[in-house]
Amino acid sequence: YTDSDGGEHEVRARFVVDASGNKSRLYSSVGGTRNYSEFFRSLALFGYFENGKRLPAPNSGNILSVAFDSGWFWYIPLSDTMTSVGAVVRREMAEKIQGDREKALQALIAECPLISEYLQDARRITTGRYGELRVRKDYSYLQTSFWRPGMILVGDAACFVDPVFSSGVHLATYSALLAARSINSVLADDLDEKTALTEFEARYRREYGVFYEFLVSFYEMNVNEESYFWQAKKVTKNKRTELESFVELIGGVSSGEAALTTSGRITERSAEFAAAVDQMASSDDGNMVPMFKSQVVKQVMQEGGQVQMKAVLGEDAEPELPLFPGGLVASPDGMKWLPYHPA
């Protein structure tokens, strides 16, 4: 690099971790290709608002996701007064949105009564770092390689599914934890690089896969027969070959236990999830147990729950089991990988 005085310097490190996001200029350095999912190939238009309405306490800080005919909105409180508001729509609307982003966003808000209500007394931020209306398209992708010797991809540099439920935040922080454990293990000479980083990639691909399945189930659940957007998101409307070929990429090197196998399985699990949500919605007390028992939700919560349990209990947590045959487990302090030795 060149410093402010024009001097040239070179920096070296044992490992380079690319955490620079979806616009990374380094991700291709690990080899492989970036493959895009046809199922999630949508477009997101988003901006930031001040003084938007909040959900009633104790849920005032929670994310609100709202379906409407043209797609769905996210409504994410970032502080007591600032909210990220974005519309996810079909990619055929790209030309209209790029032409006049302000007009396009206001038109989409007008289509969605609940978001219109929440923004009734709000104003869009138009200056500073949050002042731009932004567009992301074709955002769902997966790199065929997550690492090479000396270099690792984490977060959006490696993969991204969909903005719903902010799954990218979990995948980014989870992959960073996996990468840190692998790097610590190699630097301590406990494991060779291939063994440590194969564990990193296998777990990261698996987690991407379970979120992919969960989010496909979320889209499949919407039953609006009049909406082009929601009908296009039906698994039964998508070509089996396209969906299943992307599923094979998700499996990658992670073993035969890829989160997704066939579109038939996705349809089955989506139906189970939808029935559980309907049961919750129709109950007097909003009992969420049926939803948590559905297979897609149990898978999504598994690893996150394990990480939180270890964070709370530390070395008093129950010993882990490998996620894969011959796989590794986290050390008692959660900082490194260890070979698994059954008790």
Protein backbone atom coordinates (compact mmCIF):
# COMPACT_ATOMS: atom_id res chain seq x y z
CA TYR A 1 0.00 0.00 0.00
CA THR A 2 1.00 3.66 -0.38
CA ASP A 3 1.01 5.90 2.69
CA SER A 4 0.13 9.61 2.85
CA ASP A 5 3.74 10.56 2.07
CA GLY A 6 3.87 8.39 -1.04
CA GLY A 7 5.91 5.64 0.57
CA GLU A 8 5.17 2.06 -0.49
CA HIS A 9 4.84 -0.71 2.09
CA GLU A 10 3.99 -4.40 2.15
CA VAL A 11 2.17 -6.13 5.01
CA ARG A 12 2.35 -9.87 5.57
CA ALA A 13 0.34 -12.15 7.83
CA ARG A 14 0.06 -15.87 8.47
CA PHE A 15 -3.67 -15.63 7.68
CA VAL A 16 -5.77 -13.13 5.76
CA VAL A 17 -9.48 -13.16 6.65
CA ASP A 18 -11.73 -11.52 4.07
CA ALA A 19 -14.65 -9.99 5.97
CA SER A 20 -15.25 -7.22 3.43
CA GLY A 21 -18.78 -8.23 2.49
CA ASN A 22 -20.65 -8.93 -0.73
CA LYS A 23 -18.59 -6.38 -2.70
CA SER A 24 -15.32 -8.04 -1.73
CA ARG A 25 -12.54 -7.72 -4.27
CA LEU A 26 -10.62 -10.59 -2.70
CA TYR A 27 -13.10 -13.48 -2.53
CA SER A 28 -12.01 -14.96 -5.87
CA SER A 29 -8.46 -15.30 -4.51
CA VAL A 30 -9.43 -18.49 -2.68
CA GLY A 31 -10.40 -20.12 -5.98
CA GLY A 32 -13.74 -21.51 -7.06
CA THR A 33 -16.70 -19.49 -8.29
CA ARG A 34 -19.60 -17.51 -6.83
CA ASN A 35 -22.88 -19.24 -7.69
CA TYR A 36 -26.23 -17.47 -7.46
CA SER A 37 -29.50 -19.02 -6.30
CA GLU A 38 -32.33 -18.69 -8.81
CA PHE A 39 -34.90 -19.15 -6.04
CA PHE A 40 -33.83 -16.05 -4.10
CA ARG A 41 -32.92 -13.89 -7.09
CA SER A 42 -34.85 -10.81 -6.00
CA LEU A 43 -34.10 -7.13 -5.57
CA ALA A 44 -34.00 -5.08 -2.37
CA LEU A 45 -34.55 -1.31 -2.15
CA PHE A 46 -33.90 0.18 1.28
CA GLY A 47 -33.25 3.33 3.27
CA TYR A 48 -33.28 4.70 6.81
CA PHE A 49 -36.00 6.59 8.66
CA GLU A 50 -36.21 8.67 11.85
CA ASN A 51 -39.05 8.46 14.39
CA GLY A 52 -40.89 5.48 12.93
CA LYS A 53 -43.46 3.68 15.03
CA ARG A 54 -42.39 0.74 17.23
CA LEU A 55 -44.05 -2.51 18.18
CA PRO A 56 -45.58 -2.45 21.67
CA ALA A 57 -43.22 -3.25 24.56
CA PRO A 58 -41.53 -5.63 25.26
CA ASN A 59 -41.11 -6.16 21.49
CA SER A 60 -40.26 -2.56 20.58
CA GLY A 61 -36.74 -3.48 19.47
CA ASN A 62 -37.79 -6.49 17.41
CA ILE A 63 -37.68 -6.83 13.64
CA LEU A 64 -41.00 -6.60 11.81
CA SER A 65 -41.39 -8.47 8.50
CA VAL A 66 -44.53 -7.70 6.47
CA ALA A 67 -45.71 -9.50 3.33
CA PHE A 68 -47.59 -7.58 0.65
CA ASP A 69 -48.56 -8.34 -2.96
CA SER A 70 -45.33 -7.15 -4.58
CA GLY A 71 -43.03 -8.81 -2.04
CA TRP A 72 -42.21 -8.09 1.58
CA PHE A 73 -40.85 -5.33 3.81
CA TRP A 74 -38.28 -5.46 6.56
CA TYR A 75 -38.61 -2.93 9.37
CA ILE A 76 -35.56 -3.09 11.64
CA PRO A 77 -35.09 -0.77 14.64
CA LEU A 78 -31.42 0.26 14.81
CA SER A 79 -31.77 2.69 17.73
CA ASP A 80 -34.56 4.30 19.72
CA THR A 81 -35.28 6.60 16.78
CA MET A 82 -33.68 5.15 13.61
CA THR A 83 -35.15 2.31 11.54
CA SER A 84 -33.92 0.44 8.47
CA VAL A 85 -36.81 -0.05 6.04
CA GLY A 86 -36.45 -2.16 2.92
CA ALA A 87 -38.67 -3.70 0.27
CA VAL A 88 -37.79 -7.03 -1.37
CA VAL A 89 -39.44 -7.37 -4.78
CA ARG A 90 -39.02 -9.36 -7.97
CA ARG A 91 -36.00 -8.45 -10.08
CA GLU A 92 -38.19 -7.50 -13.06
CA MET A 93 -38.85 -4.23 -11.21
CA ALA A 94 -35.18 -3.22 -11.43
CA GLU A 95 -35.60 -0.66 -14.23
CA LYS A 96 -38.49 1.07 -12.46
CA ILE A 97 -36.60 1.24 -9.17
CA GLN A 98 -33.32 2.43 -10.64
CA GLY A 99 -35.14 5.20 -12.50
CA ASP A 100 -36.44 7.02 -9.42
CA ARG A 101 -35.63 5.24 -6.17
CA GLU A 102 -37.47 7.71 -3.96
CA LYS A 103 -40.67 7.47 -5.96
CA ALA A 104 -40.39 3.68 -6.18
CA LEU A 105 -39.94 3.24 -2.42
CA GLN A 106 -42.86 5.55 -1.60
CA ALA A 107 -45.07 3.63 -4.05
CA LEU A 108 -44.13 0.32 -2.43
CA ILE A 109 -44.77 1.72 1.05
CA ALA A 110 -48.21 2.86 -0.14
CA GLU A 111 -48.94 -0.74 -1.22
CA CYS A 112 -48.35 -2.01 2.33
CA PRO A 113 -50.84 -0.59 4.88
CA LEU A 114 -48.92 -1.70 7.98
CA ILE A 115 -45.61 -0.16 6.88
CA SER A 116 -47.49 2.98 5.82
CA GLU A 117 -48.92 3.20 9.33
CA TYR A 118 -45.53 2.71 10.99
CA LEU A 119 -43.95 5.43 8.84
CA GLN A 120 -46.84 7.89 9.05
CA ASP A 121 -44.95 10.30 11.35
CA ALA A 122 -41.43 9.35 10.22
CA ARG A 123 -39.05 11.13 7.88
CA ARG A 124 -36.47 9.49 5.66
CA ILE A 125 -32.85 10.36 6.45
CA THR A 126 -31.41 12.11 3.39
CA THR A 127 -27.94 13.24 4.53
CA GLY A 128 -24.81 11.58 5.87
CA ARG A 129 -23.93 7.90 5.74
CA TYR A 130 -27.58 6.83 6.03
CA GLY A 131 -28.92 9.31 3.49
CA GLU A 132 -28.72 7.16 0.35
CA LEU A 133 -31.49 4.90 -0.94
CA ARG A 134 -29.68 1.66 -1.76
CA VAL A 135 -30.39 -1.24 -4.07
CA ARG A 136 -29.09 -4.79 -3.88
CA LYS A 137 -29.98 -7.35 -6.51
CA ASP A 138 -29.16 -11.00 -7.14
CA TYR A 139 -27.98 -11.11 -3.55
CA SER A 140 -28.27 -14.83 -2.79
CA TYR A 141 -25.02 -16.63 -3.58
CA LEU A 142 -22.52 -19.20 -2.39
CA GLN A 143 -18.81 -19.43 -3.09
CA THR A 144 -17.65 -22.93 -4.06
CA SER A 145 -14.51 -22.51 -1.92
CA PHE A 146 -14.37 -20.77 1.46
CA TRP A 147 -10.61 -20.95 2.00
CA ARG A 148 -7.18 -21.71 0.64
CA PRO A 149 -3.92 -21.96 2.60
CA GLY A 150 -3.43 -18.66 4.37
CA MET A 151 -6.78 -17.12 3.39
CA ILE A 152 -10.35 -17.48 4.68
CA LEU A 153 -13.71 -15.99 3.62
CA VAL A 154 -16.26 -15.12 6.32
CA GLY A 155 -19.66 -13.46 6.27
CA ASP A 156 -20.99 -12.05 3.01
CA ALA A 157 -17.61 -12.50 1.32
CA ALA A 158 -18.39 -16.24 1.28
CA CYS A 159 -22.18 -16.46 1.00
CA PHE A 160 -25.53 -14.80 1.61
CA VAL A 161 -29.07 -16.18 1.59
CA ASP A 162 -31.74 -13.51 2.05
CA PRO A 163 -32.33 -10.43 4.21
CA VAL A 164 -35.42 -11.83 5.93
CA PHE A 165 -34.86 -12.35 9.69
CA SER A 166 -31.36 -10.81 9.33
CA SER A 167 -29.89 -14.28 8.82
CA GLY A 168 -26.75 -12.71 7.36
CA VAL A 169 -25.84 -11.27 10.77
CA HIS A 170 -25.90 -14.72 12.33
CA LEU A 171 -23.98 -16.34 9.47
CA ALA A 172 -21.32 -13.60 9.59
CA THR A 173 -20.69 -13.82 13.33
CA TYR A 174 -20.94 -17.62 13.36
CA SER A 175 -18.44 -17.98 10.51
CA ALA A 176 -16.07 -15.56 12.26
CA LEU A 177 -16.21 -17.75 15.37
CA LEU A 178 -15.46 -20.87 13.32
CA ALA A 179 -12.58 -19.14 11.52
CA ALA A 180 -11.10 -17.87 14.80
CA ARG A 181 -11.15 -21.38 16.28
CA SER A 182 -9.42 -22.75 13.19
CA ILE A 183 -6.76 -20.03 13.14
CA ASN A 184 -6.08 -20.44 16.87
CA SER A 185 -5.69 -24.19 16.42
CA VAL A 186 -3.19 -23.80 13.57
CA LEU A 187 -1.14 -21.05 15.24
CA ALA A 188 -0.91 -23.16 18.39
CA ASP A 189 0.33 -26.13 16.29
CA ASP A 190 -2.56 -28.23 17.59
CA LEU A 191 -3.91 -29.03 14.11
CA ASP A 192 -2.70 -28.77 10.55
CA GLU A 193 -4.30 -26.11 8.38
CA LYS A 194 -6.29 -28.48 6.17
CA THR A 195 -7.89 -30.28 9.13
CA ALA A 196 -8.81 -27.06 10.94
CA LEU A 197 -10.17 -25.22 7.91
CA THR A 198 -12.05 -28.23 6.56
CA GLU A 199 -13.98 -28.17 9.85
CA PHE A 200 -14.59 -24.44 9.40
CA GLU A 201 -15.96 -24.86 5.89
CA ALA A 202 -18.05 -27.93 6.68
CA ARG A 203 -19.80 -26.22 9.59
CA TYR A 204 -20.25 -22.95 7.72
CA ARG A 205 -21.79 -24.70 4.68
CA ARG A 206 -24.09 -26.70 6.94
CA GLU A 207 -25.30 -23.56 8.71
CA TYR A 208 -25.87 -21.80 5.38
CA GLY A 209 -27.85 -24.86 4.29
CA VAL A 210 -30.18 -24.96 7.27
CA PHE A 211 -30.94 -21.25 6.89
CA TYR A 212 -31.50 -21.73 3.15
CA GLU A 213 -34.05 -24.46 3.90
CA PHE A 214 -35.72 -22.40 6.61
CA LEU A 215 -36.07 -19.34 4.37
CA VAL A 216 -37.38 -21.40 1.44
CA SER A 217 -40.00 -22.70 3.90
CA PHE A 218 -40.84 -19.14 4.93
CA TYR A 219 -41.51 -18.11 1.32
CA GLU A 220 -43.40 -21.31 0.56
CA MET A 221 -45.74 -20.59 3.48
CA ASN A 222 -47.35 -17.51 1.90
CA VAL A 223 -50.58 -18.54 0.17
CA ASN A 224 -51.51 -15.41 -1.80
CA GLU A 225 -52.63 -16.90 -5.11
CA GLU A 226 -52.95 -13.47 -6.76
CA SER A 227 -49.40 -12.28 -6.13
CA TYR A 228 -46.84 -12.81 -8.87
CA PHE A 229 -44.00 -12.39 -6.36
CA TRP A 230 -45.26 -14.98 -3.90
CA GLN A 231 -46.33 -17.50 -6.54
CA ALA A 232 -42.86 -17.26 -8.11
CA LYS A 233 -41.42 -18.19 -4.71
CA LYS A 234 -43.32 -21.48 -4.53
CA VAL A 235 -41.03 -24.50 -4.59
CA THR A 236 -43.51 -26.27 -6.84
CA LYS A 237 -43.20 -23.43 -9.39
CA ASN A 238 -39.41 -23.72 -9.59
CA LYS A 239 -37.51 -26.15 -11.77
CA ARG A 240 -36.33 -29.07 -9.68
CA THR A 241 -32.98 -29.12 -11.46
CA GLU A 242 -32.21 -25.48 -10.59
CA LEU A 243 -33.11 -25.88 -6.92
CA GLU A 244 -31.39 -29.20 -6.47
CA SER A 245 -28.21 -28.19 -8.29
CA PHE A 246 -27.82 -25.27 -5.88
CA VAL A 247 -28.51 -27.64 -3.00
CA GLU A 248 -25.57 -29.77 -4.12
CA LEU A 249 -23.33 -26.71 -3.89
CA ILE A 250 -24.52 -26.09 -0.34
CA GLY A 251 -23.55 -29.63 0.60
CA GLY A 252 -20.07 -29.11 -0.78
CA VAL A 253 -17.46 -30.89 1.29
CA SER A 254 -19.60 -30.94 4.42
CA SER A 255 -20.49 -34.65 4.16
CA GLY A 256 -23.65 -36.36 2.99
CA GLU A 257 -25.67 -34.47 5.57
CA ALA A 258 -26.42 -31.41 3.45
CA ALA A 259 -29.34 -29.48 4.90
CA LEU A 260 -31.32 -29.83 1.69
CA THR A 261 -31.70 -32.88 -0.48
CA THR A 262 -34.69 -32.63 -2.79
CA SER A 263 -37.46 -30.18 -3.54
CA GLY A 264 -39.87 -32.86 -2.27
CA ARG A 265 -38.29 -32.68 1.17
CA ILE A 266 -38.45 -28.89 1.10
CA THR A 267 -42.17 -29.00 0.26
CA GLU A 268 -42.79 -31.48 3.09
CA ARG A 269 -40.91 -29.42 5.68
CA SER A 270 -42.47 -26.19 4.45
CA ALA A 271 -45.93 -27.70 4.97
CA GLU A 272 -44.97 -28.77 8.50
CA PHE A 273 -43.68 -25.29 9.27
CA ALA A 274 -46.77 -23.58 7.83
CA ALA A 275 -49.08 -25.84 9.86
CA ALA A 276 -47.13 -25.04 13.03
CA VAL A 277 -47.36 -21.30 12.40
CA ASP A 278 -51.11 -21.58 11.71
CA GLN A 279 -51.53 -23.50 14.96
CA MET A 280 -49.63 -20.80 16.85
CA ALA A 281 -51.64 -18.00 15.24
CA SER A 282 -54.99 -19.63 16.03
CA SER A 283 -54.19 -20.39 19.68
CA ASP A 284 -55.50 -18.08 22.39
CA ASP A 285 -52.13 -17.76 24.10
CA GLY A 286 -49.87 -17.60 21.02
CA ASN A 287 -48.15 -20.84 22.04
CA MET A 288 -44.93 -21.05 19.97
CA VAL A 289 -43.98 -24.61 20.95
CA PRO A 290 -45.33 -26.23 17.74
CA MET A 291 -43.25 -23.85 15.63
CA PHE A 292 -40.09 -24.55 17.64
CA LYS A 293 -40.69 -28.29 17.20
CA SER A 294 -40.81 -28.08 13.40
CA GLN A 295 -37.72 -29.54 11.75
CA VAL A 296 -36.60 -26.37 9.94
CA VAL A 297 -36.75 -24.26 13.11
CA LYS A 298 -34.99 -26.89 15.24
CA GLN A 299 -32.14 -27.01 12.73
CA VAL A 300 -31.85 -23.22 12.57
CA MET A 301 -31.64 -22.96 16.36
CA GLN A 302 -29.26 -25.88 16.95
CA GLU A 303 -25.84 -24.30 16.45
CA GLY A 304 -26.81 -20.86 17.74
CA GLY A 305 -28.12 -22.48 20.91
CA GLN A 306 -24.92 -24.48 21.30
CA VAL A 307 -22.77 -21.35 21.00
CA GLN A 308 -24.89 -19.44 23.52
CA MET A 309 -24.85 -22.33 25.97
CA LYS A 310 -21.06 -22.49 25.85
CA ALA A 311 -20.86 -18.71 26.30
CA VAL A 312 -23.06 -18.86 29.42
CA LEU A 313 -21.73 -22.04 31.04
CA GLY A 314 -18.14 -21.99 29.78
CA GLU A 315 -16.26 -25.13 30.73
CA ASP A 316 -19.30 -26.37 32.69
CA ALA A 317 -21.24 -26.89 29.45
CA GLU A 318 -22.00 -30.43 28.35
CA PRO A 319 -19.27 -31.90 26.10
CA GLU A 320 -19.97 -31.45 22.39
CA LEU A 321 -20.40 -34.16 19.82
CA PRO A 322 -18.95 -33.77 16.30
CA LEU A 323 -21.36 -32.47 13.67
CA PHE A 324 -19.86 -34.83 11.10
CA PRO A 325 -18.29 -38.31 11.17
CA GLY A 326 -14.63 -37.86 12.03
CA GLY A 327 -15.19 -34.17 12.75
CA LEU A 328 -13.78 -31.95 15.46
CA VAL A 329 -15.32 -30.42 18.58
CA ALA A 330 -14.78 -27.07 20.29
CA SER A 331 -12.36 -26.92 23.21
CA PRO A 332 -13.91 -26.42 26.68
CA ASP A 333 -13.19 -22.68 26.50
CA GLY A 334 -14.56 -22.48 22.94
CA MET A 335 -11.35 -20.96 21.55
CA LYS A 336 -9.98 -23.87 19.48
CA TRP A 337 -10.84 -27.18 17.82
CA LEU A 338 -9.98 -30.53 19.35
CA PRO A 339 -10.12 -34.09 18.02
CA TYR A 340 -13.14 -35.93 19.39
CA HIS A 341 -12.47 -38.75 21.84
CA PRO A 342 -15.60 -40.57 23.07
CA ALA A 343 -15.78 -40.90 26.84
